[in-house]
Protein backbone atom coordinates (compact mmCIF):
# COMPACT_ATOMS: atom_id res chain seq x y z
CA MET A 1 294.45 -157.42 68.91
CA SER A 2 290.89 -156.17 69.25
CA SER A 3 291.59 -152.52 68.31
CA GLN A 4 291.24 -153.35 64.59
CA PRO A 5 288.78 -155.60 62.77
CA LEU A 6 289.98 -159.17 62.61
CA ARG A 7 290.58 -160.51 59.09
CA ARG A 8 289.48 -164.11 58.78
CA THR A 9 291.07 -164.74 55.35
CA LYS A 10 294.76 -165.44 55.65
CA ILE A 11 297.47 -163.83 53.45
CA VAL A 12 300.30 -165.89 51.98
CA ILE A 13 303.23 -163.94 50.63
CA THR A 14 306.26 -165.01 48.66
CA LEU A 15 309.80 -164.29 49.90
CA GLY A 16 312.34 -162.79 47.52
CA PRO A 17 314.80 -159.93 47.01
CA ALA A 18 312.15 -157.33 47.66
CA LEU A 19 311.86 -158.60 51.34
CA ASP A 20 315.54 -159.12 52.07
CA GLU A 21 315.86 -155.91 54.13
CA PRO A 22 314.88 -156.53 57.72
CA GLU A 23 312.92 -153.25 57.98
CA ILE A 24 310.94 -154.04 54.83
CA LEU A 25 310.21 -157.58 56.03
CA LYS A 26 309.03 -156.20 59.37
CA ARG A 27 306.65 -153.82 57.56
CA ALA A 28 305.31 -156.89 55.65
CA ILE A 29 304.67 -158.77 58.88
CA LEU A 30 302.96 -155.80 60.52
CA ALA A 31 300.95 -155.25 57.37
CA GLY A 32 299.28 -158.62 57.88
CA ALA A 33 301.24 -161.50 56.29
CA ASP A 34 300.37 -164.83 57.79
CA VAL A 35 302.26 -167.36 55.73
CA PHE A 36 305.70 -166.93 54.16
CA ARG A 37 306.36 -168.95 51.00
CA ALA A 38 309.88 -169.94 50.08
CA ASN A 39 309.75 -170.67 46.31
CA PHE A 40 312.27 -173.49 45.67
CA SER A 41 312.03 -172.83 41.91
CA HIS A 42 314.40 -169.89 42.52
CA GLY A 43 317.45 -169.38 44.77
CA SER A 44 319.71 -171.65 46.71
CA VAL A 45 318.85 -173.58 49.87
CA GLU A 46 321.23 -171.21 51.69
CA THR A 47 319.28 -168.22 50.55
CA HIS A 48 315.96 -169.76 51.62
CA GLU A 49 317.42 -170.67 55.01
CA LYS A 50 318.58 -167.13 55.61
CA ARG A 51 315.23 -165.74 54.63
CA ILE A 52 313.23 -168.18 56.80
CA ASN A 53 315.39 -167.50 59.79
CA MET A 54 314.93 -163.80 59.43
CA VAL A 55 311.16 -164.21 59.12
CA ARG A 56 311.07 -166.17 62.36
CA GLN A 57 313.29 -163.77 64.23
CA ILE A 58 311.33 -160.61 63.16
CA ALA A 59 307.91 -162.33 63.66
CA LYS A 60 309.02 -163.20 67.22
CA GLU A 61 309.98 -159.61 67.83
CA CYS A 62 306.64 -158.48 66.58
CA ASP A 63 304.88 -161.10 68.81
CA LYS A 64 303.18 -162.61 65.76
CA THR A 65 302.78 -166.31 64.83
CA VAL A 66 303.42 -167.06 61.13
CA ALA A 67 303.86 -170.13 59.08
CA ILE A 68 306.56 -171.08 56.65
CA LEU A 69 305.57 -172.71 53.31
CA ALA A 70 308.30 -174.48 51.27
CA ASP A 71 307.04 -174.64 47.67
CA LEU A 72 308.79 -177.39 45.65
CA GLN A 73 309.51 -176.64 41.96
CA GLY A 74 308.15 -179.75 40.39
CA PRO A 75 309.00 -180.91 36.80
CA LYS A 76 310.53 -178.35 34.55
CA ILE A 77 308.27 -178.57 31.50
CA ARG A 78 310.19 -175.91 29.61
CA ILE A 79 311.94 -175.21 26.30
CA SER A 80 315.71 -174.80 26.25
CA ARG A 81 317.62 -171.62 25.18
CA PHE A 82 318.19 -169.62 22.04
CA LYS A 83 321.49 -168.57 20.52
CA ASN A 84 320.38 -164.94 20.69
CA GLN A 85 318.39 -165.30 23.94
CA LYS A 86 315.02 -164.80 22.22
CA ILE A 87 313.22 -164.99 18.88
CA ASN A 88 310.09 -163.54 17.24
CA LEU A 89 307.49 -166.06 15.95
CA ILE A 90 305.09 -165.06 13.17
CA GLU A 91 301.57 -166.43 12.86
CA GLY A 92 301.46 -169.17 10.20
CA GLN A 93 305.17 -170.09 10.28
CA SER A 94 306.50 -173.58 11.00
CA PHE A 95 308.49 -174.31 14.13
CA VAL A 96 310.14 -177.48 15.46
CA PHE A 97 310.84 -178.75 18.99
CA ASP A 98 313.95 -180.94 18.66
CA THR A 99 315.18 -182.84 21.69
CA GLU A 100 318.46 -183.70 19.90
CA LEU A 101 319.34 -180.03 19.40
CA GLY A 102 321.90 -178.49 21.72
CA ASN A 103 320.40 -176.73 24.78
CA ASP A 104 321.80 -173.35 23.62
CA GLU A 105 321.24 -173.80 19.86
CA GLY A 106 317.66 -172.51 19.43
CA ASP A 107 316.84 -170.18 16.54
CA GLU A 108 313.83 -168.90 14.55
CA GLU A 109 313.16 -172.39 13.22
CA SER A 110 313.69 -174.75 16.22
CA VAL A 111 314.64 -175.14 19.85
CA SER A 112 315.42 -177.96 22.24
CA LEU A 113 313.46 -178.99 25.27
CA ASP A 114 314.34 -179.49 28.92
CA TYR A 115 311.44 -181.91 29.03
CA LYS A 116 312.72 -184.57 26.69
CA SER A 117 309.59 -186.78 26.85
CA LEU A 118 307.31 -184.28 25.12
CA PRO A 119 307.44 -186.04 21.71
CA GLN A 120 306.02 -189.16 23.39
CA ASP A 121 303.25 -187.23 25.03
CA VAL A 122 301.75 -185.35 22.09
CA ARG A 123 300.10 -186.25 18.75
CA PRO A 124 299.11 -184.39 15.54
CA GLY A 125 296.21 -182.01 16.24
CA ASP A 126 297.31 -181.22 19.85
CA THR A 127 297.66 -177.61 20.86
CA LEU A 128 300.83 -176.54 22.69
CA VAL A 129 300.79 -173.37 24.71
CA LEU A 130 304.02 -171.53 25.76
CA ASP A 131 304.87 -168.67 28.09
CA ASP A 132 301.62 -168.76 30.11
CA GLY A 133 299.45 -168.73 26.94
CA ARG A 134 301.23 -165.91 25.04
CA ILE A 135 302.38 -168.31 22.25
CA VAL A 136 300.11 -171.00 20.78
CA MET A 137 301.11 -173.77 18.32
CA LYS A 138 299.31 -176.59 16.67
CA VAL A 139 301.15 -179.95 16.31
CA GLN A 140 301.38 -181.12 12.66
CA LYS A 141 303.65 -184.13 12.83
CA VAL A 142 305.56 -186.06 15.54
CA GLU A 143 308.76 -188.02 15.22
CA ILE A 144 310.89 -189.84 17.88
CA HIS A 145 312.83 -186.72 18.76
CA ARG A 146 310.94 -183.93 16.97
CA ILE A 147 307.57 -182.18 17.08
CA PHE A 148 306.65 -180.17 14.01
CA CYS A 149 304.25 -177.34 14.70
CA HIS A 150 302.30 -174.49 12.98
CA VAL A 151 302.26 -171.13 14.88
CA ILE A 152 298.70 -170.07 15.66
CA VAL A 153 299.52 -167.08 17.96
CA GLY A 154 303.00 -165.60 17.48
CA GLY A 155 305.12 -163.13 19.41
CA GLU A 156 308.43 -162.93 21.30
CA LEU A 157 309.68 -166.15 22.85
CA SER A 158 312.72 -166.16 25.09
CA ASN A 159 314.79 -168.80 26.88
CA ASN A 160 313.39 -171.39 29.34
CA LYS A 161 309.75 -170.56 28.92
CA GLY A 162 307.18 -173.04 30.11
CA ILE A 163 305.28 -175.33 27.70
CA ASN A 164 301.92 -176.97 28.30
CA ARG A 165 299.62 -179.27 26.25
CA LEU A 166 296.11 -177.78 26.21
CA GLY A 167 293.96 -180.29 28.08
CA GLY A 168 296.82 -181.73 30.02
CA GLY A 169 298.25 -185.22 29.60
CA LEU A 170 301.95 -184.72 29.99
CA SER A 171 303.60 -187.71 31.71
CA ALA A 172 306.07 -185.81 33.87
CA THR A 173 306.04 -187.04 37.47
CA ALA A 174 305.22 -184.57 40.19
CA LEU A 175 308.40 -185.13 42.30
CA THR A 176 311.77 -184.78 40.58
CA ASP A 177 315.20 -185.59 42.07
CA LYS A 178 315.55 -181.88 42.87
CA ASP A 179 312.23 -181.98 44.70
CA ARG A 180 313.22 -184.98 46.77
CA SER A 181 316.38 -183.24 47.80
CA ASP A 182 314.52 -179.94 48.51
CA LEU A 183 311.93 -181.80 50.62
CA ILE A 184 314.68 -183.01 52.90
CA GLU A 185 315.99 -179.51 53.20
CA ALA A 186 312.50 -178.21 53.93
CA VAL A 187 312.18 -180.69 56.79
CA ARG A 188 315.59 -179.54 58.10
CA LEU A 189 314.38 -175.96 58.01
CA GLN A 190 311.22 -177.03 59.89
CA ALA A 191 308.85 -175.76 57.31
CA ASP A 192 305.17 -175.83 58.53
CA TYR A 193 303.87 -176.71 55.09
CA ILE A 194 305.40 -178.22 51.92
CA ALA A 195 303.67 -177.62 48.56
CA ILE A 196 303.76 -180.26 45.86
CA SER A 197 303.76 -178.89 42.32
CA PHE A 198 301.87 -180.55 39.43
CA PRO A 199 300.36 -183.55 41.26
CA ARG A 200 298.23 -185.60 38.84
CA ASN A 201 296.41 -187.77 41.35
CA ALA A 202 296.32 -188.81 45.02
CA ASP A 203 299.25 -191.20 44.56
CA ASP A 204 301.53 -188.21 43.85
CA VAL A 205 300.46 -186.75 47.21
CA LYS A 206 300.89 -190.08 48.96
CA GLU A 207 304.43 -190.40 47.55
CA ALA A 208 305.30 -187.03 49.00
CA ARG A 209 303.96 -188.07 52.41
CA VAL A 210 306.09 -191.19 52.36
CA LEU A 211 309.16 -189.14 51.55
CA LEU A 212 308.23 -186.62 54.24
CA LYS A 213 307.85 -189.30 56.90
CA ALA A 214 311.12 -190.96 55.88
CA ALA A 215 312.84 -187.58 56.33
CA GLY A 216 311.40 -187.28 59.82
CA GLY A 217 309.12 -184.42 58.86
CA HIS A 218 305.59 -183.53 60.10
CA ALA A 219 304.75 -180.60 57.83
CA GLY A 220 301.32 -180.26 56.23
CA ILE A 221 301.30 -181.15 52.53
CA ILE A 222 299.66 -178.71 50.17
CA ALA A 223 298.69 -180.02 46.73
CA LYS A 224 298.98 -177.37 44.01
CA ILE A 225 296.19 -177.83 41.48
CA GLU A 226 297.80 -176.84 38.15
CA ARG A 227 297.17 -179.80 35.79
CA ALA A 228 294.10 -180.74 33.89
CA GLU A 229 294.29 -184.21 35.22
CA ALA A 230 294.22 -182.89 38.74
CA ILE A 231 290.75 -181.49 38.17
CA THR A 232 289.64 -184.97 37.02
CA ASN A 233 291.01 -186.43 40.29
CA ILE A 234 290.26 -183.47 42.48
CA GLU A 235 288.26 -185.05 45.32
CA GLU A 236 290.83 -187.82 45.91
CA ILE A 237 293.68 -185.26 45.86
CA ILE A 238 291.92 -183.02 48.37
CA LYS A 239 291.20 -185.98 50.71
CA THR A 240 294.81 -187.10 50.60
CA ALA A 241 296.43 -183.63 51.05
CA ASP A 242 296.34 -181.40 54.16
CA ALA A 243 295.46 -178.34 52.09
CA VAL A 244 295.14 -177.36 48.36
CA MET A 245 296.20 -174.38 46.34
CA VAL A 246 294.31 -173.16 43.19
CA ALA A 247 297.58 -172.41 41.22
CA ARG A 248 295.86 -170.49 38.47
CA GLY A 249 298.94 -169.90 36.25
CA ASP A 250 299.58 -173.37 34.79
CA LEU A 251 296.04 -174.54 35.55
CA GLY A 252 294.63 -171.75 33.30
CA VAL A 253 297.02 -172.64 30.53
CA GLU A 254 296.11 -176.36 30.61
CA ILE A 255 292.30 -176.07 30.89
CA GLY A 256 291.93 -172.72 29.12
CA ASP A 257 291.50 -169.31 30.73
CA ALA A 258 287.71 -169.25 30.19
CA GLU A 259 287.30 -172.50 32.22
CA LEU A 260 289.43 -171.22 35.11
CA PRO A 261 286.78 -169.32 37.16
CA ALA A 262 284.47 -172.29 37.40
CA ALA A 263 287.38 -174.58 38.26
CA GLN A 264 288.42 -172.20 41.09
CA LYS A 265 284.90 -172.17 42.52
CA LEU A 266 284.71 -176.02 42.32
CA ILE A 267 288.05 -176.54 44.12
CA ILE A 268 287.16 -174.07 46.87
CA TYR A 269 283.72 -175.67 47.32
CA LEU A 270 285.14 -179.21 47.53
CA ALA A 271 287.94 -178.17 49.88
CA LYS A 272 285.48 -176.67 52.23
CA LYS A 273 283.16 -179.71 51.95
CA LEU A 274 286.06 -181.96 52.79
CA ASN A 275 287.26 -179.78 55.67
CA LYS A 276 290.66 -178.83 54.07
CA PRO A 277 292.13 -175.30 53.86
CA VAL A 278 292.34 -173.82 50.38
CA ILE A 279 294.70 -171.06 48.99
CA THR A 280 293.81 -169.05 45.87
CA ALA A 281 297.01 -167.96 44.08
CA THR A 282 298.61 -166.34 41.07
CA GLN A 283 298.30 -162.84 39.61
CA MET A 284 295.92 -161.64 42.33
CA LEU A 285 297.47 -158.12 42.48
CA GLU A 286 299.98 -158.53 39.67
CA SER A 287 299.92 -154.82 38.75
CA MET A 288 301.25 -153.95 42.15
CA ILE A 289 304.63 -155.30 41.23
CA HIS A 290 305.06 -151.85 39.67
CA ASN A 291 302.11 -149.79 41.00
CA THR A 292 301.13 -148.54 44.44
CA ILE A 293 297.46 -149.49 43.97
CA PRO A 294 295.67 -152.44 42.40
CA THR A 295 293.43 -152.39 39.44
CA ARG A 296 289.67 -152.59 39.95
CA ALA A 297 289.63 -156.01 38.29
CA GLU A 298 292.23 -157.24 40.74
CA VAL A 299 290.17 -156.00 43.65
CA SER A 300 287.15 -157.84 42.34
CA ASP A 301 289.27 -161.00 41.75
CA VAL A 302 290.54 -161.07 45.39
CA ALA A 303 287.05 -160.18 46.78
CA ASN A 304 285.28 -162.86 44.82
CA ALA A 305 287.75 -165.50 46.05
CA VAL A 306 286.94 -164.47 49.57
CA LEU A 307 283.23 -164.58 48.82
CA ASP A 308 283.71 -168.06 47.33
CA GLY A 309 285.09 -169.14 50.73
CA THR A 310 288.84 -169.42 50.15
CA ASP A 311 290.82 -169.68 53.39
CA ALA A 312 293.80 -167.72 52.07
CA VAL A 313 294.89 -165.57 49.16
CA MET A 314 298.45 -165.48 47.90
CA LEU A 315 300.90 -162.85 46.62
CA SER A 316 303.80 -163.97 44.40
CA GLY A 317 305.86 -161.47 42.43
CA GLU A 318 304.14 -158.66 44.22
CA THR A 319 306.15 -159.36 47.37
CA ALA A 320 309.12 -161.35 45.98
CA VAL A 321 310.35 -158.76 43.43
CA GLY A 322 307.72 -155.96 43.58
CA LYS A 323 308.49 -152.34 44.37
CA TYR A 324 305.85 -152.07 47.07
CA PRO A 325 305.53 -155.38 48.98
CA ASP A 326 304.03 -153.85 52.14
CA LYS A 327 301.48 -151.84 50.10
CA ALA A 328 300.43 -154.97 48.23
CA ILE A 329 299.83 -156.81 51.58
CA ALA A 330 297.97 -153.84 52.98
CA ALA A 331 295.75 -153.77 49.78
CA MET A 332 295.05 -157.46 50.17
CA ASP A 333 294.16 -156.94 53.78
CA ARG A 334 291.62 -154.24 53.21
CA ILE A 335 290.05 -156.02 50.25
CA CYS A 336 289.56 -159.17 52.33
CA LEU A 337 288.09 -157.24 55.27
CA SER A 338 285.63 -155.47 53.01
CA ALA A 339 284.63 -158.72 51.26
CA GLU A 340 284.11 -160.45 54.66
CA LYS A 341 281.69 -157.82 55.75
CA ASN A 342 279.31 -159.08 53.01
CA LEU A 343 279.56 -162.75 53.93
CA GLN A 344 276.46 -164.36 55.40
CA HIS A 345 277.81 -165.82 58.65
CA LYS A 346 274.83 -166.50 60.85
CA THR A 347 273.31 -169.33 58.93
CA PHE A 348 274.86 -172.64 60.17
CA ARG A 349 276.47 -174.57 57.42
CA THR A 350 278.43 -177.73 57.97
CA HIS A 351 280.58 -179.42 55.34
CA LEU A 352 280.35 -183.07 56.30
CA ARG A 353 281.59 -185.78 53.94
CA GLU A 354 279.48 -188.40 55.82
CA PRO A 355 275.93 -188.24 57.15
CA GLN A 356 277.30 -188.91 60.67
CA PHE A 357 280.25 -187.58 62.65
CA LYS A 358 283.29 -189.84 62.58
CA TYR A 359 285.20 -188.36 65.47
CA VAL A 360 284.17 -186.96 68.85
CA ASP A 361 286.23 -183.80 68.42
CA GLU A 362 284.59 -183.17 65.04
CA ALA A 363 281.20 -183.42 66.72
CA ILE A 364 282.40 -180.96 69.39
CA ALA A 365 283.64 -178.55 66.72
CA MET A 366 280.36 -178.61 64.82
CA ALA A 367 278.26 -178.22 67.99
CA THR A 368 280.47 -175.26 68.96
CA MET A 369 279.92 -173.48 65.63
CA TYR A 370 276.16 -174.14 65.71
CA THR A 371 275.94 -172.71 69.23
CA ALA A 372 278.21 -169.75 68.50
CA ASN A 373 276.16 -168.84 65.43
CA HIS A 374 272.97 -168.84 67.35
CA LEU A 375 273.98 -167.23 70.62
CA ASP A 376 275.71 -163.95 71.43
CA ILE A 377 279.14 -165.48 71.64
CA LYS A 378 282.14 -163.11 71.66
CA ALA A 379 284.86 -165.61 70.98
CA ILE A 380 285.65 -169.30 70.80
CA ILE A 381 288.66 -170.66 72.84
CA ALA A 382 289.99 -174.05 71.60
CA LEU A 383 292.60 -175.65 73.82
CA THR A 384 294.32 -177.85 71.26
CA GLU A 385 297.36 -180.08 70.81
CA SER A 386 297.26 -180.72 67.09
CA GLY A 387 294.96 -177.89 65.83
CA THR A 388 292.41 -180.36 64.36
CA THR A 389 289.45 -179.02 66.34
CA PRO A 390 290.10 -175.36 65.27
CA LEU A 391 290.50 -176.57 61.66
CA TRP A 392 287.04 -178.19 61.71
CA MET A 393 285.60 -175.04 63.25
CA SER A 394 287.19 -172.87 60.54
CA CYS A 395 285.37 -174.78 57.83
CA VAL A 396 281.96 -173.44 59.05
CA LYS A 397 280.94 -169.87 58.11
CA SER A 398 281.01 -167.56 61.14
CA SER A 399 282.11 -164.06 62.05
CA ILE A 400 283.17 -165.23 65.53
CA PRO A 401 286.91 -165.44 66.05
CA ILE A 402 288.43 -168.79 67.04
CA TYR A 403 291.42 -168.60 69.27
CA GLY A 404 293.62 -171.71 69.13
CA LEU A 405 295.56 -172.03 72.41
CA SER A 406 298.46 -174.53 72.31
CA ARG A 407 301.75 -175.33 73.96
CA HIS A 408 303.23 -176.55 70.57
CA GLN A 409 304.93 -174.02 68.34
CA THR A 410 304.32 -176.27 65.29
CA THR A 411 300.57 -176.34 66.00
CA LEU A 412 300.48 -172.54 66.46
CA CYS A 413 302.24 -172.03 63.18
CA ARG A 414 300.09 -174.58 61.32
CA MET A 415 296.93 -172.76 62.44
CA ALA A 416 298.27 -169.53 60.84
CA LEU A 417 296.74 -170.78 57.57
CA TYR A 418 293.28 -171.58 58.98
CA SER A 419 290.49 -169.10 58.22
CA GLY A 420 289.25 -167.21 61.25
CA VAL A 421 291.69 -168.94 63.61
CA TYR A 422 294.23 -166.94 65.65
CA SER A 423 297.14 -168.61 67.48
CA ILE A 424 297.91 -167.92 71.17
CA PRO A 425 300.78 -169.74 73.09
CA PHE A 426 299.32 -171.50 76.14
CA ASP A 427 300.55 -174.43 78.15
CA ALA A 428 297.82 -176.16 80.20
CA THR A 429 299.60 -179.43 80.96
CA ASP A 430 300.48 -178.73 84.58
CA MET A 431 297.59 -176.37 85.30
CA ASP A 432 295.05 -176.90 88.00
CA ARG A 433 291.82 -178.01 86.27
CA ARG A 434 289.79 -175.83 88.63
CA VAL A 435 291.27 -172.62 87.23
CA LEU A 436 291.98 -173.76 83.70
CA ASN A 437 289.01 -172.02 82.05
CA GLN A 438 289.57 -168.82 83.98
CA THR A 439 293.28 -168.80 83.07
CA ALA A 440 292.57 -169.34 79.37
CA VAL A 441 290.02 -166.59 79.40
CA GLY A 442 292.65 -164.45 81.20
CA GLU A 443 294.97 -164.83 78.24
CA LEU A 444 292.47 -163.13 75.97
CA GLN A 445 291.64 -160.48 78.55
CA LYS A 446 295.39 -159.58 78.71
CA ARG A 447 295.13 -158.92 74.97
CA ASN A 448 292.02 -156.80 75.34
CA ILE A 449 289.97 -159.27 73.42
CA LEU A 450 287.43 -160.02 76.14
CA GLN A 451 285.64 -157.99 78.78
CA ASP A 452 283.58 -158.86 81.84
CA GLY A 453 280.14 -160.09 80.86
CA ASP A 454 281.25 -161.49 77.45
CA LEU A 455 280.05 -165.00 76.58
CA VAL A 456 282.74 -167.33 75.26
CA ILE A 457 282.80 -171.06 74.28
CA ILE A 458 285.72 -173.13 75.56
CA THR A 459 286.55 -176.51 74.04
CA LYS A 460 289.05 -178.98 75.55
CA GLY A 461 289.62 -182.55 76.45
CA ASP A 462 289.51 -184.36 79.77
CA LEU A 463 293.09 -185.43 79.21
CA ILE A 464 295.09 -182.30 78.72
CA GLY A 465 298.23 -182.83 76.61
CA VAL A 466 296.82 -185.77 74.63
CA HIS A 467 296.20 -185.39 70.83
CA GLY A 468 292.64 -185.96 69.50
CA ARG A 469 290.83 -185.93 72.81
CA THR A 470 288.70 -182.81 72.65
CA ASN A 471 285.35 -183.89 74.16
CA SER A 472 283.83 -180.95 75.96
CA LEU A 473 282.17 -177.68 75.21
CA LYS A 474 281.53 -175.05 77.90
CA ILE A 475 279.76 -171.70 77.69
CA TYR A 476 281.56 -169.43 80.06
CA THR A 477 280.72 -165.82 81.20
CA VAL A 478 283.87 -163.66 81.54
CA GLY A 479 284.10 -162.36 85.04
CA GLY A 480 281.48 -164.77 86.31
CA LYS A 481 281.96 -167.59 88.83
CA VAL A 482 284.00 -170.63 87.65
């Protein structure tokens, strides 16, 4: 583990046909993938189950801990279909969205909508953006079932493309009937994280948590920030969720592409301030769907997300359907490593929401990071039940690796998303307290992480095996007396 530089920023990749061969998936795991995303917008539950099982089997063979992320589809805010599959729109022409039209009856003059409530959500003067911004229309008139528009930016428009209102404001709820069913399946598949698409506010996240609890699940909930309203309610959403994702596709369409970079920086800043992991996603290395190397602009995009403080970066089509999934992961890995070399780690920065610590384990985590950043500490060992203490540690800038040692597989997998945290299986429940520190250090020595004379910090609780009881910090010299 110590033979190569440790990458702090985690890599989330999307499962798909490109990774269905076991050997290719193995190369993806060895290239550095940390979290595997099952996109429930595509494919059957059976297909997702097969892929998730294969990930877990091969990761185990590679002796690597990875997390599974089930990404729910959310509301289908899309147009319906055309008689001839696609049309060409010309700037200046009129076009109508007609909810009473047949779903396969679209033509050059009109098309139906999968999202039937759109006429109630828009008014004259609104701007509608389709196909991730490639088509733009201005609303001229609205009737009960029809929206009359003027084409501002034309081009080819094909079946089932997405539609957004510039500035947001669509009333579609975040969780559809399909999402509710898929959430239950995600619990059955023991997903470590479940992503909620298009949440408008904290109530949408709370609803998902109620459904998760009712299904008997304990996964972390990731709020995907992709609506303009979500930016307005961003702090409450972050506080309510377990992690957030900067989903730049739909978000960029709703708030405008020029506003997106500042929004990304704001979300990352607030997530770190509120001690929550944040993923930056969408089109990060898009050209690598077809090419073996990224563009220079993509390299800068990934690097700047790392420099902003993102915990993870995500690949979508690059690994789901791309020609070179392992090369895309390897490119992401080297870009992150290079960007991390330029981060300023030694200045202690804490991201407290309150002027005082609320929990003892939070105080221990912050004290650990302050000490580690001002002493020649080689590594931090956190004996943990839930992973909360390593999570708090990860929110402080540091180049010092944090090793989360836990007996719970769910905790080990959950920590796969945390920046700078590396999971190691370790059961201390029946261990003699007099040799606990030495045995924990021995686990890292076996992996050639530590050598005699190294200083390490060990955090643990007096009551081993009890959640939320981390209350001690010890500076330990490897090879020294216990």
